[in-house]
N, C-alpha and C. Protein backbone atom coordinates (compact mmCIF):
# COMPACT_ATOMS: atom_id res chain seq x y z
N MET A 1 0.82 -1.19 0.00
CA MET A 1 0.00 0.00 0.00
C MET A 1 0.87 1.26 0.00
N LEU A 2 1.90 1.24 0.83
CA LEU A 2 2.80 2.37 0.91
C LEU A 2 3.48 2.62 -0.44
N ALA A 3 3.86 1.53 -1.13
CA ALA A 3 4.50 1.68 -2.44
C ALA A 3 3.54 2.33 -3.43
N LEU A 4 2.26 1.98 -3.38
CA LEU A 4 1.26 2.58 -4.27
C LEU A 4 1.11 4.06 -3.99
N VAL A 5 1.07 4.45 -2.74
CA VAL A 5 0.95 5.85 -2.36
C VAL A 5 2.18 6.63 -2.85
N ARG A 6 3.36 6.05 -2.67
CA ARG A 6 4.58 6.70 -3.16
C ARG A 6 4.56 6.86 -4.67
N THR A 7 4.14 5.80 -5.38
CA THR A 7 4.08 5.84 -6.84
C THR A 7 3.11 6.92 -7.30
N LEU A 8 1.95 6.99 -6.68
CA LEU A 8 0.97 8.02 -7.03
C LEU A 8 1.51 9.41 -6.74
N GLY A 9 2.22 9.55 -5.63
CA GLY A 9 2.82 10.84 -5.29
C GLY A 9 3.85 11.28 -6.31
N VAL A 10 4.68 10.34 -6.73
CA VAL A 10 5.70 10.65 -7.75
C VAL A 10 5.02 11.03 -9.06
N LEU A 11 4.00 10.28 -9.45
CA LEU A 11 3.27 10.58 -10.68
C LEU A 11 2.64 11.96 -10.63
N MET A 12 2.02 12.31 -9.52
CA MET A 12 1.39 13.63 -9.38
C MET A 12 2.44 14.73 -9.44
N ALA A 13 3.59 14.52 -8.84
CA ALA A 13 4.66 15.52 -8.89
C ALA A 13 5.18 15.70 -10.31
N LEU A 14 5.32 14.59 -11.05
CA LEU A 14 5.77 14.69 -12.44
C LEU A 14 4.78 15.43 -13.31
N VAL A 15 3.50 15.13 -13.16
CA VAL A 15 2.47 15.82 -13.94
C VAL A 15 2.45 17.30 -13.58
N ALA A 16 2.52 17.63 -12.30
CA ALA A 16 2.52 19.03 -11.87
C ALA A 16 3.73 19.77 -12.43
N GLY A 17 4.89 19.13 -12.38
CA GLY A 17 6.10 19.74 -12.93
C GLY A 17 5.99 19.97 -14.42
N SER A 18 5.42 19.01 -15.12
CA SER A 18 5.23 19.16 -16.56
C SER A 18 4.28 20.30 -16.87
N LEU A 19 3.21 20.42 -16.10
CA LEU A 19 2.25 21.49 -16.35
C LEU A 19 2.87 22.86 -16.10
N VAL A 20 3.73 22.98 -15.10
CA VAL A 20 4.42 24.25 -14.85
C VAL A 20 5.32 24.58 -16.03
N LEU A 21 6.08 23.59 -16.51
CA LEU A 21 6.97 23.80 -17.65
C LEU A 21 6.16 24.20 -18.88
N VAL A 22 5.05 23.50 -19.13
CA VAL A 22 4.19 23.83 -20.26
C VAL A 22 3.64 25.23 -20.11
N GLY A 23 3.23 25.60 -18.90
CA GLY A 23 2.68 26.94 -18.66
C GLY A 23 3.69 28.03 -18.97
N CYS A 24 4.94 27.85 -18.54
CA CYS A 24 5.98 28.82 -18.83
C CYS A 24 6.22 28.92 -20.33
N ASP A 25 6.32 27.76 -20.99
CA ASP A 25 6.50 27.74 -22.44
C ASP A 25 5.36 28.45 -23.13
N GLN A 26 4.12 28.15 -22.73
CA GLN A 26 2.96 28.74 -23.41
C GLN A 26 2.98 30.26 -23.31
N GLN A 27 3.36 30.78 -22.16
CA GLN A 27 3.43 32.24 -22.00
C GLN A 27 4.50 32.82 -22.92
N ARG A 28 5.67 32.21 -22.94
CA ARG A 28 6.77 32.72 -23.78
C ARG A 28 6.45 32.56 -25.26
N LEU A 29 5.86 31.42 -25.63
CA LEU A 29 5.52 31.18 -27.03
C LEU A 29 4.44 32.15 -27.51
N ALA A 30 3.51 32.49 -26.63
CA ALA A 30 2.43 33.42 -27.00
C ALA A 30 2.96 34.81 -27.32
N GLU A 31 4.14 35.13 -26.81
CA GLU A 31 4.74 36.44 -27.08
C GLU A 31 5.39 36.51 -28.47
N LEU A 32 5.52 35.36 -29.13
CA LEU A 32 6.15 35.31 -30.45
C LEU A 32 5.07 35.32 -31.53
N GLN A 33 5.35 36.05 -32.64
CA GLN A 33 4.39 36.14 -33.74
C GLN A 33 5.07 35.79 -35.05
N GLU A 34 4.44 34.86 -35.77
CA GLU A 34 4.94 34.49 -37.10
C GLU A 34 4.89 35.72 -38.00
N GLY A 35 5.97 35.92 -38.76
CA GLY A 35 6.05 37.05 -39.68
C GLY A 35 6.49 38.34 -39.03
N VAL A 36 6.61 38.36 -37.69
CA VAL A 36 6.98 39.58 -36.97
C VAL A 36 8.23 39.36 -36.11
N SER A 37 8.20 38.32 -35.29
CA SER A 37 9.30 38.06 -34.34
C SER A 37 10.58 37.70 -35.07
N THR A 38 11.68 38.13 -34.51
CA THR A 38 13.01 37.86 -35.07
C THR A 38 13.67 36.71 -34.31
N GLU A 39 14.79 36.25 -34.85
CA GLU A 39 15.54 35.20 -34.16
C GLU A 39 15.98 35.70 -32.78
N ALA A 40 16.34 36.96 -32.69
CA ALA A 40 16.73 37.53 -31.39
C ALA A 40 15.55 37.48 -30.41
N ASP A 41 14.33 37.74 -30.89
CA ASP A 41 13.14 37.65 -30.03
C ASP A 41 12.96 36.22 -29.52
N VAL A 42 13.11 35.25 -30.42
CA VAL A 42 12.95 33.84 -30.07
C VAL A 42 13.97 33.46 -29.01
N ARG A 43 15.23 33.80 -29.24
CA ARG A 43 16.29 33.45 -28.29
C ARG A 43 16.11 34.16 -26.95
N ALA A 44 15.60 35.39 -26.97
CA ALA A 44 15.38 36.13 -25.72
C ALA A 44 14.31 35.45 -24.87
N ARG A 45 13.31 34.85 -25.51
CA ARG A 45 12.23 34.21 -24.76
C ARG A 45 12.49 32.75 -24.42
N LEU A 46 13.19 32.05 -25.32
CA LEU A 46 13.37 30.61 -25.13
C LEU A 46 14.81 30.18 -24.85
N GLY A 47 15.76 31.09 -24.98
CA GLY A 47 17.16 30.76 -24.73
C GLY A 47 17.84 30.17 -25.95
N MET A 48 18.95 29.51 -25.71
CA MET A 48 19.71 28.89 -26.80
C MET A 48 18.97 27.66 -27.31
N PRO A 49 18.89 27.51 -28.62
CA PRO A 49 18.24 26.30 -29.15
C PRO A 49 19.10 25.06 -28.90
N SER A 50 18.44 23.90 -28.86
CA SER A 50 19.14 22.63 -28.72
C SER A 50 20.00 22.37 -29.95
N ARG A 51 19.49 22.82 -31.09
CA ARG A 51 20.19 22.62 -32.35
C ARG A 51 19.64 23.62 -33.36
N VAL A 52 20.50 24.01 -34.30
CA VAL A 52 20.08 24.86 -35.41
C VAL A 52 20.27 24.05 -36.69
N TRP A 53 19.18 23.90 -37.45
CA TRP A 53 19.20 23.17 -38.72
C TRP A 53 19.29 24.21 -39.83
N SER A 54 20.37 24.21 -40.62
CA SER A 54 20.54 25.15 -41.72
C SER A 54 19.90 24.58 -42.99
N GLU A 55 19.23 25.45 -43.72
CA GLU A 55 18.58 25.07 -44.98
C GLU A 55 19.39 25.62 -46.15
N GLU A 56 19.23 25.00 -47.31
CA GLU A 56 19.99 25.41 -48.51
C GLU A 56 19.68 26.83 -48.94
N ASP A 57 18.47 27.32 -48.70
CA ASP A 57 18.07 28.66 -49.16
C ASP A 57 18.48 29.77 -48.19
N GLY A 58 19.25 29.43 -47.16
CA GLY A 58 19.71 30.43 -46.20
C GLY A 58 18.80 30.55 -44.98
N SER A 59 17.66 29.88 -45.00
CA SER A 59 16.78 29.88 -43.84
C SER A 59 17.31 28.87 -42.82
N SER A 60 16.68 28.82 -41.67
CA SER A 60 17.11 27.86 -40.64
C SER A 60 15.92 27.46 -39.79
N THR A 61 16.10 26.38 -39.06
CA THR A 61 15.10 25.92 -38.10
C THR A 61 15.77 25.78 -36.75
N LEU A 62 15.20 26.44 -35.75
CA LEU A 62 15.73 26.38 -34.39
C LEU A 62 14.96 25.28 -33.65
N GLU A 63 15.70 24.35 -33.07
CA GLU A 63 15.09 23.25 -32.32
C GLU A 63 15.17 23.56 -30.83
N TYR A 64 14.02 23.50 -30.17
CA TYR A 64 13.95 23.68 -28.72
C TYR A 64 13.35 22.42 -28.11
N SER A 65 14.20 21.64 -27.46
CA SER A 65 13.77 20.39 -26.85
C SER A 65 13.35 20.63 -25.41
N ARG A 66 12.26 20.00 -25.03
CA ARG A 66 11.81 20.01 -23.64
C ARG A 66 11.92 18.62 -23.03
N GLN A 67 12.70 17.75 -23.69
CA GLN A 67 12.96 16.39 -23.23
C GLN A 67 14.19 16.43 -22.31
N PRO A 68 14.34 15.63 -21.32
CA PRO A 68 13.48 14.54 -20.92
C PRO A 68 12.41 14.93 -19.91
N GLU A 69 12.47 16.14 -19.32
CA GLU A 69 11.50 16.49 -18.28
C GLU A 69 10.13 16.83 -18.85
N GLY A 70 10.10 17.51 -19.99
CA GLY A 70 8.83 17.94 -20.56
C GLY A 70 8.27 16.95 -21.55
N HIS A 71 7.22 17.38 -22.24
CA HIS A 71 6.52 16.53 -23.19
C HIS A 71 6.38 17.21 -24.56
N ALA A 72 7.32 18.08 -24.90
CA ALA A 72 7.23 18.82 -26.16
C ALA A 72 8.62 19.03 -26.74
N ASN A 73 8.65 19.21 -28.02
CA ASN A 73 9.82 19.69 -28.77
C ASN A 73 9.29 20.69 -29.78
N TYR A 74 9.93 21.85 -29.86
CA TYR A 74 9.48 22.89 -30.77
C TYR A 74 10.49 23.07 -31.90
N MET A 75 9.97 23.24 -33.11
CA MET A 75 10.78 23.60 -34.26
C MET A 75 10.28 24.96 -34.72
N ILE A 76 11.20 25.91 -34.79
CA ILE A 76 10.84 27.27 -35.15
C ILE A 76 11.59 27.63 -36.43
N ALA A 77 10.84 27.79 -37.52
CA ALA A 77 11.42 28.09 -38.83
C ALA A 77 11.66 29.59 -38.95
N MET A 78 12.88 29.93 -39.36
CA MET A 78 13.27 31.32 -39.57
C MET A 78 13.61 31.49 -41.05
N ASP A 79 13.17 32.60 -41.66
CA ASP A 79 13.54 32.83 -43.05
C ASP A 79 14.98 33.34 -43.13
N ALA A 80 15.47 33.53 -44.32
CA ALA A 80 16.88 33.93 -44.52
C ALA A 80 17.19 35.28 -43.88
N SER A 81 16.18 36.12 -43.69
CA SER A 81 16.42 37.43 -43.08
C SER A 81 16.31 37.39 -41.56
N GLY A 82 15.98 36.21 -40.99
CA GLY A 82 15.93 36.07 -39.53
C GLY A 82 14.57 36.34 -38.93
N THR A 83 13.51 36.28 -39.73
CA THR A 83 12.15 36.47 -39.23
C THR A 83 11.49 35.10 -39.05
N MET A 84 10.78 34.95 -37.94
CA MET A 84 10.10 33.68 -37.66
C MET A 84 8.93 33.51 -38.63
N VAL A 85 8.91 32.36 -39.32
CA VAL A 85 7.82 32.09 -40.26
C VAL A 85 6.91 30.97 -39.79
N GLN A 86 7.38 30.13 -38.86
CA GLN A 86 6.54 29.05 -38.36
C GLN A 86 7.06 28.55 -37.02
N LEU A 87 6.12 28.28 -36.11
CA LEU A 87 6.44 27.71 -34.81
C LEU A 87 5.51 26.51 -34.63
N ARG A 88 6.11 25.33 -34.39
CA ARG A 88 5.27 24.15 -34.22
C ARG A 88 5.84 23.23 -33.16
N GLN A 89 4.93 22.58 -32.45
CA GLN A 89 5.25 21.53 -31.49
C GLN A 89 5.24 20.25 -32.31
N VAL A 90 6.35 19.53 -32.36
CA VAL A 90 6.50 18.42 -33.30
C VAL A 90 6.18 17.04 -32.73
N LEU A 91 5.98 16.93 -31.44
CA LEU A 91 5.67 15.62 -30.85
C LEU A 91 4.17 15.41 -30.88
N VAL A 92 3.69 15.08 -32.09
CA VAL A 92 2.26 14.88 -32.35
C VAL A 92 2.08 13.64 -33.21
N PRO A 93 0.91 12.99 -33.12
CA PRO A 93 0.67 11.77 -33.89
C PRO A 93 0.93 11.89 -35.39
N ALA A 94 0.61 13.03 -35.99
CA ALA A 94 0.85 13.20 -37.43
C ALA A 94 2.33 13.04 -37.77
N ASN A 95 3.21 13.52 -36.93
CA ASN A 95 4.65 13.37 -37.17
C ASN A 95 5.11 11.94 -36.86
N PHE A 96 4.56 11.34 -35.81
CA PHE A 96 4.94 9.96 -35.48
C PHE A 96 4.61 9.03 -36.65
N SER A 97 3.51 9.29 -37.33
CA SER A 97 3.10 8.42 -38.44
C SER A 97 4.06 8.53 -39.64
N GLN A 98 4.86 9.57 -39.68
CA GLN A 98 5.84 9.73 -40.75
C GLN A 98 7.10 8.88 -40.53
N VAL A 99 7.30 8.42 -39.31
CA VAL A 99 8.46 7.59 -38.98
C VAL A 99 8.17 6.18 -39.49
N GLN A 100 8.87 5.79 -40.54
CA GLN A 100 8.61 4.52 -41.22
C GLN A 100 9.88 3.67 -41.26
N PRO A 101 9.74 2.35 -41.34
CA PRO A 101 10.92 1.49 -41.49
C PRO A 101 11.79 1.95 -42.65
N GLY A 102 13.10 1.95 -42.40
CA GLY A 102 14.07 2.38 -43.40
C GLY A 102 14.50 3.82 -43.26
N MET A 103 13.78 4.62 -42.49
CA MET A 103 14.11 6.03 -42.30
C MET A 103 15.42 6.15 -41.50
N GLU A 104 16.29 7.08 -41.87
CA GLU A 104 17.57 7.26 -41.20
C GLU A 104 17.42 8.02 -39.88
N MET A 105 18.35 7.77 -38.95
CA MET A 105 18.34 8.42 -37.63
C MET A 105 18.27 9.94 -37.73
N LEU A 106 19.11 10.51 -38.60
CA LEU A 106 19.16 11.97 -38.71
C LEU A 106 17.82 12.53 -39.17
N ALA A 107 17.15 11.84 -40.08
CA ALA A 107 15.84 12.29 -40.55
C ALA A 107 14.81 12.24 -39.42
N VAL A 108 14.88 11.22 -38.58
CA VAL A 108 13.96 11.12 -37.44
C VAL A 108 14.26 12.24 -36.45
N ARG A 109 15.53 12.47 -36.19
CA ARG A 109 15.92 13.55 -35.27
C ARG A 109 15.44 14.90 -35.79
N ARG A 110 15.56 15.11 -37.08
CA ARG A 110 15.13 16.38 -37.66
C ARG A 110 13.61 16.54 -37.58
N LEU A 111 12.88 15.46 -37.71
CA LEU A 111 11.43 15.49 -37.65
C LEU A 111 10.91 15.70 -36.23
N LEU A 112 11.49 15.00 -35.25
CA LEU A 112 10.96 14.98 -33.89
C LEU A 112 11.80 15.73 -32.86
N GLY A 113 13.03 16.08 -33.21
CA GLY A 113 13.89 16.75 -32.25
C GLY A 113 14.59 15.75 -31.34
N GLN A 114 15.28 16.28 -30.38
CA GLN A 114 16.09 15.48 -29.45
C GLN A 114 15.21 14.53 -28.64
N PRO A 115 15.57 13.25 -28.60
CA PRO A 115 14.78 12.32 -27.79
C PRO A 115 15.06 12.49 -26.30
N ALA A 116 14.13 11.99 -25.50
CA ALA A 116 14.28 12.01 -24.04
C ALA A 116 15.30 10.98 -23.59
N ARG A 117 15.39 9.87 -24.34
CA ARG A 117 16.24 8.76 -23.90
C ARG A 117 16.72 7.99 -25.12
N LYS A 118 17.97 7.52 -25.04
CA LYS A 118 18.56 6.64 -26.06
C LYS A 118 19.14 5.43 -25.35
N VAL A 119 18.73 4.24 -25.78
CA VAL A 119 19.24 3.01 -25.16
C VAL A 119 19.66 2.05 -26.27
N THR A 120 20.89 1.52 -26.15
CA THR A 120 21.38 0.53 -27.11
C THR A 120 21.39 -0.83 -26.45
N TYR A 121 20.88 -1.83 -27.18
CA TYR A 121 20.82 -3.20 -26.70
C TYR A 121 21.88 -4.01 -27.45
N GLU A 122 22.89 -4.43 -26.72
CA GLU A 122 24.04 -5.10 -27.32
C GLU A 122 23.68 -6.43 -28.00
N LEU A 123 22.78 -7.21 -27.41
CA LEU A 123 22.46 -8.52 -27.97
C LEU A 123 21.73 -8.42 -29.30
N THR A 124 20.81 -7.46 -29.41
CA THR A 124 20.03 -7.34 -30.65
C THR A 124 20.65 -6.34 -31.63
N HIS A 125 21.63 -5.58 -31.16
CA HIS A 125 22.27 -4.53 -31.97
C HIS A 125 21.24 -3.49 -32.42
N GLU A 126 20.29 -3.21 -31.53
CA GLU A 126 19.27 -2.21 -31.80
C GLU A 126 19.40 -1.06 -30.80
N THR A 127 18.93 0.11 -31.23
CA THR A 127 18.92 1.28 -30.38
C THR A 127 17.52 1.86 -30.37
N ASP A 128 16.98 2.10 -29.17
CA ASP A 128 15.67 2.74 -29.02
C ASP A 128 15.86 4.20 -28.68
N TRP A 129 15.13 5.05 -29.37
CA TRP A 129 15.01 6.47 -29.02
C TRP A 129 13.58 6.68 -28.55
N ASP A 130 13.42 7.31 -27.39
CA ASP A 130 12.11 7.59 -26.81
C ASP A 130 11.86 9.09 -26.72
N TRP A 131 10.64 9.48 -27.03
CA TRP A 131 10.18 10.86 -26.85
C TRP A 131 8.95 10.83 -25.97
N LYS A 132 8.92 11.69 -24.95
CA LYS A 132 7.76 11.80 -24.07
C LYS A 132 6.82 12.86 -24.65
N TRP A 133 5.53 12.54 -24.69
CA TRP A 133 4.55 13.49 -25.21
C TRP A 133 3.22 13.31 -24.49
N LEU A 134 2.32 14.26 -24.66
CA LEU A 134 1.01 14.19 -24.02
C LEU A 134 -0.07 13.97 -25.06
N ASP A 135 -0.93 12.99 -24.79
CA ASP A 135 -2.11 12.74 -25.59
C ASP A 135 -3.27 13.39 -24.84
N GLY A 136 -3.72 14.52 -25.32
CA GLY A 136 -4.70 15.30 -24.57
C GLY A 136 -3.98 16.10 -23.49
N PRO A 137 -4.71 16.59 -22.53
CA PRO A 137 -4.07 17.46 -21.55
C PRO A 137 -3.16 16.76 -20.54
N ALA A 138 -3.37 15.45 -20.28
CA ALA A 138 -2.59 14.84 -19.20
C ALA A 138 -2.25 13.37 -19.38
N ARG A 139 -2.56 12.76 -20.51
CA ARG A 139 -2.22 11.34 -20.69
C ARG A 139 -0.79 11.24 -21.20
N ALA A 140 0.11 10.85 -20.32
CA ALA A 140 1.54 10.76 -20.66
C ALA A 140 1.79 9.55 -21.55
N MET A 141 2.49 9.80 -22.65
CA MET A 141 2.78 8.78 -23.64
C MET A 141 4.28 8.78 -23.95
N VAL A 142 4.74 7.68 -24.57
CA VAL A 142 6.11 7.58 -25.06
C VAL A 142 6.05 7.05 -26.49
N PHE A 143 6.71 7.77 -27.39
CA PHE A 143 6.87 7.27 -28.75
C PHE A 143 8.29 6.72 -28.84
N THR A 144 8.43 5.49 -29.36
CA THR A 144 9.74 4.85 -29.49
C THR A 144 10.02 4.52 -30.94
N ALA A 145 11.20 4.90 -31.40
CA ALA A 145 11.71 4.47 -32.70
C ALA A 145 12.88 3.54 -32.43
N THR A 146 12.84 2.34 -33.01
CA THR A 146 13.90 1.36 -32.85
C THR A 146 14.72 1.32 -34.12
N PHE A 147 16.04 1.52 -33.97
CA PHE A 147 16.96 1.55 -35.10
C PHE A 147 17.82 0.29 -35.09
N GLY A 148 18.11 -0.21 -36.27
CA GLY A 148 19.02 -1.34 -36.42
C GLY A 148 20.45 -0.85 -36.45
N PRO A 149 21.42 -1.77 -36.59
CA PRO A 149 22.83 -1.38 -36.61
C PRO A 149 23.19 -0.50 -37.80
N ASP A 150 22.35 -0.49 -38.83
CA ASP A 150 22.59 0.37 -40.00
C ASP A 150 22.09 1.79 -39.79
N GLY A 151 21.53 2.09 -38.60
CA GLY A 151 21.05 3.44 -38.31
C GLY A 151 19.71 3.77 -38.94
N ARG A 152 18.97 2.74 -39.33
CA ARG A 152 17.66 2.94 -39.96
C ARG A 152 16.56 2.36 -39.07
N VAL A 153 15.39 2.99 -39.15
CA VAL A 153 14.25 2.55 -38.35
C VAL A 153 13.87 1.12 -38.71
N ARG A 154 13.71 0.31 -37.69
CA ARG A 154 13.18 -1.05 -37.87
C ARG A 154 11.69 -1.08 -37.55
N ARG A 155 11.30 -0.35 -36.49
CA ARG A 155 9.90 -0.29 -36.09
C ARG A 155 9.73 0.93 -35.18
N SER A 156 8.47 1.30 -34.97
CA SER A 156 8.17 2.41 -34.08
C SER A 156 6.77 2.23 -33.52
N GLY A 157 6.48 2.92 -32.44
CA GLY A 157 5.16 2.84 -31.86
C GLY A 157 5.02 3.67 -30.60
N ASN A 158 3.78 3.78 -30.13
CA ASN A 158 3.46 4.54 -28.93
C ASN A 158 3.01 3.60 -27.83
N ARG A 159 3.22 4.05 -26.59
CA ARG A 159 2.70 3.35 -25.44
C ARG A 159 2.43 4.37 -24.34
N GLU A 160 1.56 4.01 -23.45
CA GLU A 160 1.28 4.89 -22.33
C GLU A 160 2.47 4.87 -21.38
N ASP A 161 2.83 6.02 -20.85
CA ASP A 161 3.96 6.15 -19.94
C ASP A 161 3.47 5.96 -18.52
N LEU A 162 3.39 4.71 -18.10
CA LEU A 162 2.90 4.38 -16.77
C LEU A 162 4.03 4.43 -15.76
N PRO A 163 3.74 4.86 -14.53
CA PRO A 163 4.80 4.88 -13.50
C PRO A 163 5.25 3.46 -13.21
N SER A 164 6.55 3.30 -12.98
CA SER A 164 7.08 1.97 -12.68
C SER A 164 6.73 1.61 -11.23
N ALA A 165 6.46 0.36 -11.00
CA ALA A 165 6.17 -0.11 -9.64
C ALA A 165 7.44 -0.16 -8.83
N GLN A 166 7.39 0.31 -7.64
CA GLN A 166 8.60 0.36 -6.80
C GLN A 166 8.52 -0.66 -5.71
């Protein structure tokens, strides 16, 4: 019984922490406007990006990961002059459905951003990348892409992120 109470307490603390992080993000993101905000505005509100993806036309995409504590990853597209043209949360079912067998690791990273966890299994020579996301306002989920030794997706799928029994 005590273990169940502890597990529920930990789960409630994690959800509360995630909601605070989401709340801070939502306030900062609401201050940004597509077509108006500059890269300097984005960095002033969100800090240094996890990664900057350069495009051939001189534009770029700023990646802001909220993994492993949060449940979001943001990709913010900037045009060549440094104006924000698109802001999107990429950990959504529509993007997960694009992850198909044969897809390369770098393409998955570019689509979904930095994973929350990477684990390599020596016996199977496979590597799992996990992203934490929310289905609705509070249903914690994990999307996993499993890569073979060639660095290509073998399989992927979602599961509910249930607290581990202690």
